[in-house]
PDB file of all heavy atoms in Angstrom:
ATOM      1  N   TYR A   1      13.261  15.961  21.252  1.00  0.00           N
ATOM      2  CA  TYR A   1      14.575  15.549  20.700  1.00  0.00           C
ATOM      3  C   TYR A   1      15.702  16.151  21.464  1.00  0.00           C
ATOM      4  O   TYR A   1      16.905  15.704  21.250  1.00  0.00           O
ATOM      5  CB  TYR A   1      14.671  15.912  19.207  1.00  0.00           C
ATOM      6  CG  TYR A   1      13.722  15.100  18.436  1.00  0.00           C
ATOM      7  CD1 TYR A   1      12.624  15.593  17.783  1.00  0.00           C
ATOM      8  CD2 TYR A   1      13.938  13.695  18.291  1.00  0.00           C
ATOM      9  CE1 TYR A   1      11.772  14.796  17.087  1.00  0.00           C
ATOM     10  CE2 TYR A   1      13.088  12.886  17.616  1.00  0.00           C
ATOM     11  CZ  TYR A   1      11.985  13.491  16.976  1.00  0.00           C
ATOM     12  OH  TYR A   1      11.131  12.691  16.253  1.00  0.00           O
ATOM     13  N   SER A   2      15.478  17.019  22.376  1.00  0.00           N
ATOM     14  CA  SER A   2      16.597  17.487  23.334  1.00  0.00           C
ATOM     15  C   SER A   2      16.613  16.735  24.581  1.00  0.00           C
ATOM     16  O   SER A   2      17.532  16.895  25.317  1.00  0.00           O
ATOM     17  CB  SER A   2      16.394  18.995  23.602  1.00  0.00           C
ATOM     18  OG  SER A   2      15.153  19.238  24.239  1.00  0.00           O
ATOM     19  N   MET A   3      15.581  15.904  24.800  1.00  0.00           N
ATOM     20  CA  MET A   3      15.476  15.215  26.067  1.00  0.00           C
ATOM     21  C   MET A   3      16.623  14.284  26.341  1.00  0.00           C
ATOM     22  O   MET A   3      17.083  14.136  27.515  1.00  0.00           O
ATOM     23  CB  MET A   3      14.159  14.417  26.089  1.00  0.00           C
ATOM     24  CG  MET A   3      12.921  15.232  26.243  1.00  0.00           C
ATOM     25  SD  MET A   3      12.754  15.975  27.929  1.00  0.00           S
ATOM     26  CE  MET A   3      12.274  14.571  28.860  1.00  0.00           C
ATOM     27  N   GLY A   4      17.108  13.546  25.263  1.00  0.00           N
ATOM     28  CA  GLY A   4      18.196  12.629  25.497  1.00  0.00           C
ATOM     29  C   GLY A   4      19.417  13.266  26.081  1.00  0.00           C
ATOM     30  O   GLY A   4      19.981  12.763  27.141  1.00  0.00           O
ATOM     31  N   LEU A   5      19.902  14.348  25.475  1.00  0.00           N
ATOM     32  CA  LEU A   5      21.127  15.009  25.978  1.00  0.00           C
ATOM     33  C   LEU A   5      20.862  15.722  27.281  1.00  0.00           C
ATOM     34  O   LEU A   5      21.705  15.737  28.164  1.00  0.00           O
ATOM     35  CB  LEU A   5      21.627  15.959  24.943  1.00  0.00           C
ATOM     36  CG  LEU A   5      22.236  15.413  23.674  1.00  0.00           C
ATOM     37  CD1 LEU A   5      22.726  16.521  22.747  1.00  0.00           C
ATOM     38  CD2 LEU A   5      23.402  14.413  24.047  1.00  0.00           C
ATOM     39  N   ALA A   6      19.625  16.259  27.465  1.00  0.00           N
ATOM     40  CA  ALA A   6      19.270  16.918  28.754  1.00  0.00           C
ATOM     41  C   ALA A   6      19.336  15.900  29.894  1.00  0.00           C
ATOM     42  O   ALA A   6      19.857  16.225  30.992  1.00  0.00           O
ATOM     43  CB  ALA A   6      17.922  17.547  28.617  1.00  0.00           C
ATOM     44  N   LEU A   7      18.737  14.755  29.731  1.00  0.00           N
ATOM     45  CA  LEU A   7      18.746  13.735  30.755  1.00  0.00           C
ATOM     46  C   LEU A   7      20.158  13.196  31.039  1.00  0.00           C
ATOM     47  O   LEU A   7      20.538  12.969  32.169  1.00  0.00           O
ATOM     48  CB  LEU A   7      17.804  12.582  30.404  1.00  0.00           C
ATOM     49  CG  LEU A   7      16.388  12.892  30.391  1.00  0.00           C
ATOM     50  CD1 LEU A   7      15.551  11.671  29.931  1.00  0.00           C
ATOM     51  CD2 LEU A   7      15.899  13.355  31.801  1.00  0.00           C
ATOM     52  N   GLN A   8      20.963  13.112  30.009  1.00  0.00           N
ATOM     53  CA  GLN A   8      22.397  12.731  30.182  1.00  0.00           C
ATOM     54  C   GLN A   8      23.123  13.735  31.037  1.00  0.00           C
ATOM     55  O   GLN A   8      23.873  13.388  31.939  1.00  0.00           O
ATOM     56  CB  GLN A   8      23.109  12.578  28.869  1.00  0.00           C
ATOM     57  CG  GLN A   8      22.743  11.311  28.082  1.00  0.00           C
ATOM     58  CD  GLN A   8      23.680  11.117  26.935  1.00  0.00           C
ATOM     59  OE1 GLN A   8      24.957  11.131  27.107  1.00  0.00           O
ATOM     60  NE2 GLN A   8      23.176  10.955  25.739  1.00  0.00           N
ATOM     61  N   ALA A   9      22.930  15.003  30.761  1.00  0.00           N
ATOM     62  CA  ALA A   9      23.543  16.096  31.518  1.00  0.00           C
ATOM     63  C   ALA A   9      23.148  16.064  32.960  1.00  0.00           C
ATOM     64  O   ALA A   9      23.932  16.241  33.877  1.00  0.00           O
ATOM     65  CB  ALA A   9      23.254  17.448  30.821  1.00  0.00           C
ATOM     66  N   LEU A  10      21.818  15.911  33.165  1.00  0.00           N
ATOM     67  CA  LEU A  10      21.313  15.854  34.509  1.00  0.00           C
ATOM     68  C   LEU A  10      21.878  14.725  35.298  1.00  0.00           C
ATOM     69  O   LEU A  10      22.189  14.745  36.493  1.00  0.00           O
ATOM     70  CB  LEU A  10      19.846  15.855  34.553  1.00  0.00           C
ATOM     71  CG  LEU A  10      19.204  17.182  34.131  1.00  0.00           C
ATOM     72  CD1 LEU A  10      17.678  16.991  33.851  1.00  0.00           C
ATOM     73  CD2 LEU A  10      19.370  18.263  35.196  1.00  0.00           C
ATOM     74  N   GLU A  11      22.010  13.525  34.659  1.00  0.00           N
ATOM     75  CA  GLU A  11      22.600  12.317  35.292  1.00  0.00           C
ATOM     76  C   GLU A  11      24.048  12.597  35.613  1.00  0.00           C
ATOM     77  O   GLU A  11      24.522  12.184  36.681  1.00  0.00           O
ATOM     78  CB  GLU A  11      22.420  11.155  34.388  1.00  0.00           C
ATOM     79  CG  GLU A  11      23.037   9.875  34.859  1.00  0.00           C
ATOM     80  CD  GLU A  11      22.419   9.374  36.161  1.00  0.00           C
ATOM     81  OE1 GLU A  11      21.199   9.602  36.372  1.00  0.00           O
ATOM     82  OE2 GLU A  11      23.113   8.627  36.890  1.00  0.00           O
ATOM     83  N   ALA A  12      24.787  13.212  34.728  1.00  0.00           N
ATOM     84  CA  ALA A  12      26.222  13.375  34.914  1.00  0.00           C
ATOM     85  C   ALA A  12      26.519  14.373  35.989  1.00  0.00           C
ATOM     86  O   ALA A  12      27.635  14.385  36.518  1.00  0.00           O
ATOM     87  CB  ALA A  12      26.876  13.770  33.586  1.00  0.00           C
ATOM     88  N   THR A  13      25.605  15.300  36.258  1.00  0.00           N
ATOM     89  CA  THR A  13      25.849  16.423  37.220  1.00  0.00           C
ATOM     90  C   THR A  13      24.938  16.298  38.432  1.00  0.00           C
ATOM     91  O   THR A  13      24.765  17.277  39.171  1.00  0.00           O
ATOM     92  CB  THR A  13      25.667  17.732  36.549  1.00  0.00           C
ATOM     93  OG1 THR A  13      24.302  17.888  36.020  1.00  0.00           O
ATOM     94  CG2 THR A  13      26.643  17.925  35.352  1.00  0.00           C
ATOM     95  N   ARG A  14      24.359  15.130  38.682  1.00  0.00           N
ATOM     96  CA  ARG A  14      23.381  15.034  39.722  1.00  0.00           C
ATOM     97  C   ARG A  14      23.891  15.469  41.149  1.00  0.00           C
ATOM     98  O   ARG A  14      23.121  15.878  41.963  1.00  0.00           O
ATOM     99  CB  ARG A  14      22.778  13.613  39.798  1.00  0.00           C
ATOM    100  CG  ARG A  14      23.731  12.515  40.177  1.00  0.00           C
ATOM    101  CD  ARG A  14      22.950  11.182  40.497  1.00  0.00           C
ATOM    102  NE  ARG A  14      22.008  10.773  39.518  1.00  0.00           N
ATOM    103  CZ  ARG A  14      20.681  10.839  39.690  1.00  0.00           C
ATOM    104  NH1 ARG A  14      20.182  11.307  40.791  1.00  0.00           N
ATOM    105  NH2 ARG A  14      19.896  10.406  38.714  1.00  0.00           N
ATOM    106  N   LYS A  15      25.188  15.297  41.346  1.00  0.00           N
ATOM    107  CA  LYS A  15      25.729  15.580  42.666  1.00  0.00           C
ATOM    108  C   LYS A  15      25.818  17.078  42.892  1.00  0.00           C
ATOM    109  O   LYS A  15      26.063  17.574  43.975  1.00  0.00           O
ATOM    110  CB  LYS A  15      27.108  14.980  42.901  1.00  0.00           C
ATOM    111  CG  LYS A  15      28.180  15.478  42.007  1.00  0.00           C
ATOM    112  CD  LYS A  15      29.499  14.839  42.247  1.00  0.00           C
ATOM    113  CE  LYS A  15      30.618  15.314  41.385  1.00  0.00           C
ATOM    114  NZ  LYS A  15      31.898  14.612  41.683  1.00  0.00           N
ATOM    115  N   PHE A  16      25.585  17.896  41.873  1.00  0.00           N
ATOM    116  CA  PHE A  16      25.742  19.356  41.988  1.00  0.00           C
ATOM    117  C   PHE A  16      24.397  20.063  42.129  1.00  0.00           C
ATOM    118  O   PHE A  16      24.362  21.260  42.255  1.00  0.00           O
ATOM    119  CB  PHE A  16      26.486  19.908  40.721  1.00  0.00           C
ATOM    120  CG  PHE A  16      27.865  19.405  40.551  1.00  0.00           C
ATOM    121  CD1 PHE A  16      28.146  18.590  39.566  1.00  0.00           C
ATOM    122  CD2 PHE A  16      28.877  19.709  41.474  1.00  0.00           C
ATOM    123  CE1 PHE A  16      29.453  18.099  39.308  1.00  0.00           C
ATOM    124  CE2 PHE A  16      30.126  19.221  41.341  1.00  0.00           C
ATOM    125  CZ  PHE A  16      30.412  18.457  40.254  1.00  0.00           C
ATOM    126  N   TYR A  17      23.301  19.308  42.180  1.00  0.00           N
ATOM    127  CA  TYR A  17      21.998  19.994  42.350  1.00  0.00           C
ATOM    128  C   TYR A  17      21.118  19.125  43.197  1.00  0.00           C
ATOM    129  O   TYR A  17      21.349  17.988  43.439  1.00  0.00           O
ATOM    130  CB  TYR A  17      21.341  20.263  40.968  1.00  0.00           C
ATOM    131  CG  TYR A  17      21.016  18.965  40.201  1.00  0.00           C
ATOM    132  CD1 TYR A  17      19.815  18.311  40.469  1.00  0.00           C
ATOM    133  CD2 TYR A  17      21.901  18.498  39.291  1.00  0.00           C
ATOM    134  CE1 TYR A  17      19.498  17.139  39.786  1.00  0.00           C
ATOM    135  CE2 TYR A  17      21.560  17.299  38.588  1.00  0.00           C
ATOM    136  CZ  TYR A  17      20.380  16.626  38.852  1.00  0.00           C
ATOM    137  OH  TYR A  17      20.142  15.457  38.209  1.00  0.00           O
ATOM    138  N   ASP A  18      20.089  19.750  43.742  1.00  0.00           N
ATOM    139  CA  ASP A  18      19.156  19.112  44.597  1.00  0.00           C
ATOM    140  C   ASP A  18      18.133  18.403  43.698  1.00  0.00           C
ATOM    141  O   ASP A  18      17.498  18.919  42.814  1.00  0.00           O
ATOM    142  CB  ASP A  18      18.332  20.108  45.389  1.00  0.00           C
ATOM    143  CG  ASP A  18      17.430  19.451  46.467  1.00  0.00           C
ATOM    144  OD1 ASP A  18      17.016  18.347  46.225  1.00  0.00           O
ATOM    145  OD2 ASP A  18      17.080  20.157  47.490  1.00  0.00           O
ATOM    146  N   SER A  19      18.053  17.072  43.861  1.00  0.00           N
ATOM    147  CA  SER A  19      17.182  16.242  42.962  1.00  0.00           C
ATOM    148  C   SER A  19      15.767  16.701  42.967  1.00  0.00           C
ATOM    149  O   SER A  19      14.996  16.399  42.028  1.00  0.00           O
ATOM    150  CB  SER A  19      17.316  14.771  43.364  1.00  0.00           C
ATOM    151  OG  SER A  19      16.848  14.598  44.728  1.00  0.00           O
ATOM    152  N   ARG A  20      15.386  17.459  44.006  1.00  0.00           N
ATOM    153  CA  ARG A  20      13.984  17.888  44.041  1.00  0.00           C
ATOM    154  C   ARG A  20      13.746  19.076  43.093  1.00  0.00           C
ATOM    155  O   ARG A  20      12.598  19.492  42.860  1.00  0.00           O
ATOM    156  CB  ARG A  20      13.636  18.379  45.471  1.00  0.00           C
ATOM    157  CG  ARG A  20      13.535  17.192  46.416  1.00  0.00           C
ATOM    158  CD  ARG A  20      13.389  17.718  47.837  1.00  0.00           C
ATOM    159  NE  ARG A  20      14.554  18.484  48.249  1.00  0.00           N
ATOM    160  CZ  ARG A  20      14.695  19.059  49.469  1.00  0.00           C
ATOM    161  NH1 ARG A  20      13.644  19.004  50.301  1.00  0.00           N
ATOM    162  NH2 ARG A  20      15.752  19.812  49.740  1.00  0.00           N
ATOM    163  N   GLU A  21      14.776  19.591  42.444  1.00  0.00           N
ATOM    164  CA  GLU A  21      14.639  20.731  41.560  1.00  0.00           C
ATOM    165  C   GLU A  21      14.033  20.314  40.238  1.00  0.00           C
ATOM    166  O   GLU A  21      13.579  21.155  39.460  1.00  0.00           O
ATOM    167  CB  GLU A  21      16.001  21.393  41.300  1.00  0.00           C
ATOM    168  CG  GLU A  21      16.583  22.089  42.608  1.00  0.00           C
ATOM    169  CD  GLU A  21      17.927  22.695  42.288  1.00  0.00           C
ATOM    170  OE1 GLU A  21      18.377  22.699  41.142  1.00  0.00           O
ATOM    171  OE2 GLU A  21      18.545  23.190  43.288  1.00  0.00           O
ATOM    172  N   TRP A  22      13.999  19.068  39.944  1.00  0.00           N
ATOM    173  CA  TRP A  22      13.355  18.549  38.717  1.00  0.00           C
ATOM    174  C   TRP A  22      12.754  17.215  38.938  1.00  0.00           C
ATOM    175  O   TRP A  22      13.259  16.483  39.812  1.00  0.00           O
ATOM    176  CB  TRP A  22      14.291  18.605  37.503  1.00  0.00           C
ATOM    177  CG  TRP A  22      15.398  17.553  37.559  1.00  0.00           C
ATOM    178  CD1 TRP A  22      16.418  17.485  38.431  1.00  0.00           C
ATOM    179  CD2 TRP A  22      15.452  16.366  36.736  1.00  0.00           C
ATOM    180  NE1 TRP A  22      17.191  16.344  38.122  1.00  0.00           N
ATOM    181  CE2 TRP A  22      16.621  15.666  37.126  1.00  0.00           C
ATOM    182  CE3 TRP A  22      14.727  15.832  35.705  1.00  0.00           C
ATOM    183  CZ2 TRP A  22      17.053  14.471  36.527  1.00  0.00           C
ATOM    184  CZ3 TRP A  22      15.092  14.691  35.056  1.00  0.00           C
ATOM    185  CH2 TRP A  22      16.234  13.987  35.524  1.00  0.00           C
ATOM    186  N   ASP A  23      11.637  16.893  38.276  1.00  0.00           N
ATOM    187  CA  ASP A  23      10.972  15.661  38.468  1.00  0.00           C
ATOM    188  C   ASP A  23      11.521  14.628  37.519  1.00  0.00           C
ATOM    189  O   ASP A  23      11.183  14.523  36.376  1.00  0.00           O
ATOM    190  CB  ASP A  23       9.466  15.848  38.211  1.00  0.00           C
ATOM    191  CG  ASP A  23       8.657  14.706  38.578  1.00  0.00           C
ATOM    192  OD1 ASP A  23       9.224  13.532  38.702  1.00  0.00           O
ATOM    193  OD2 ASP A  23       7.412  14.798  38.855  1.00  0.00           O
ATOM    194  N   CYS A  24      12.491  13.790  38.059  1.00  0.00           N
ATOM    195  CA  CYS A  24      13.132  12.769  37.238  1.00  0.00           C
ATOM    196  C   CYS A  24      12.177  11.807  36.671  1.00  0.00           C
ATOM    197  O   CYS A  24      12.199  11.462  35.499  1.00  0.00           O
ATOM    198  CB  CYS A  24      14.201  12.078  38.102  1.00  0.00           C
ATOM    199  SG  CYS A  24      15.096  10.746  37.268  1.00  0.00           S
ATOM    200  N   ALA A  25      11.248  11.296  37.480  1.00  0.00           N
ATOM    201  CA  ALA A  25      10.329  10.255  37.000  1.00  0.00           C
ATOM    202  C   ALA A  25       9.428  10.832  35.878  1.00  0.00           C
ATOM    203  O   ALA A  25       9.129  10.077  34.947  1.00  0.00           O
ATOM    204  CB  ALA A  25       9.433   9.785  38.190  1.00  0.00           C
ATOM    205  N   GLN A  26       8.981  12.007  36.064  1.00  0.00           N
ATOM    206  CA  GLN A  26       8.150  12.614  35.022  1.00  0.00           C
ATOM    207  C   GLN A  26       8.869  12.792  33.671  1.00  0.00           C
ATOM    208  O   GLN A  26       8.372  12.500  32.624  1.00  0.00           O
ATOM    209  CB  GLN A  26       7.586  14.033  35.522  1.00  0.00           C
ATOM    210  CG  GLN A  26       6.463  14.521  34.637  1.00  0.00           C
ATOM    211  CD  GLN A  26       5.932  15.827  35.203  1.00  0.00           C
ATOM    212  OE1 GLN A  26       6.674  16.700  35.601  1.00  0.00           O
ATOM    213  NE2 GLN A  26       4.601  15.970  35.247  1.00  0.00           N
ATOM    214  N   ALA A  27      10.161  13.222  33.782  1.00  0.00           N
ATOM    215  CA  ALA A  27      10.908  13.432  32.564  1.00  0.00           C
ATOM    216  C   ALA A  27      11.187  12.126  31.807  1.00  0.00           C
ATOM    217  O   ALA A  27      11.059  12.009  30.674  1.00  0.00           O
ATOM    218  CB  ALA A  27      12.282  14.065  32.920  1.00  0.00           C
ATOM    219  N   PHE A  28      11.475  11.044  32.635  1.00  0.00           N
ATOM    220  CA  PHE A  28      11.680   9.713  31.975  1.00  0.00           C
ATOM    221  C   PHE A  28      10.410   9.186  31.420  1.00  0.00           C
ATOM    222  O   PHE A  28      10.422   8.507  30.387  1.00  0.00           O
ATOM    223  CB  PHE A  28      12.311   8.738  33.012  1.00  0.00           C
ATOM    224  CG  PHE A  28      13.788   8.791  33.126  1.00  0.00           C
ATOM    225  CD1 PHE A  28      14.390   9.421  34.185  1.00  0.00           C
ATOM    226  CD2 PHE A  28      14.534   8.140  32.134  1.00  0.00           C
ATOM    227  CE1 PHE A  28      15.796   9.446  34.250  1.00  0.00           C
ATOM    228  CE2 PHE A  28      15.925   8.218  32.232  1.00  0.00           C
ATOM    229  CZ  PHE A  28      16.560   8.891  33.280  1.00  0.00           C
ATOM    230  N   SER A  29       9.296   9.474  32.050  1.00  0.00           N
ATOM    231  CA  SER A  29       8.003   9.006  31.502  1.00  0.00           C
ATOM    232  C   SER A  29       7.718   9.675  30.122  1.00  0.00           C
ATOM    233  O   SER A  29       7.186   8.963  29.199  1.00  0.00           O
ATOM    234  CB  SER A  29       6.878   9.408  32.463  1.00  0.00           C
ATOM    235  OG  SER A  29       7.008   8.683  33.687  1.00  0.00           O
TER     236      SER A  29
END
């Protein structure tokens, strides 16, 4: 139930971190 806001936060700040620091596909799955 925290995944929705966590994914929104990561999407909104994606330019500030290396995308390899988290597995986007795995999280969406």
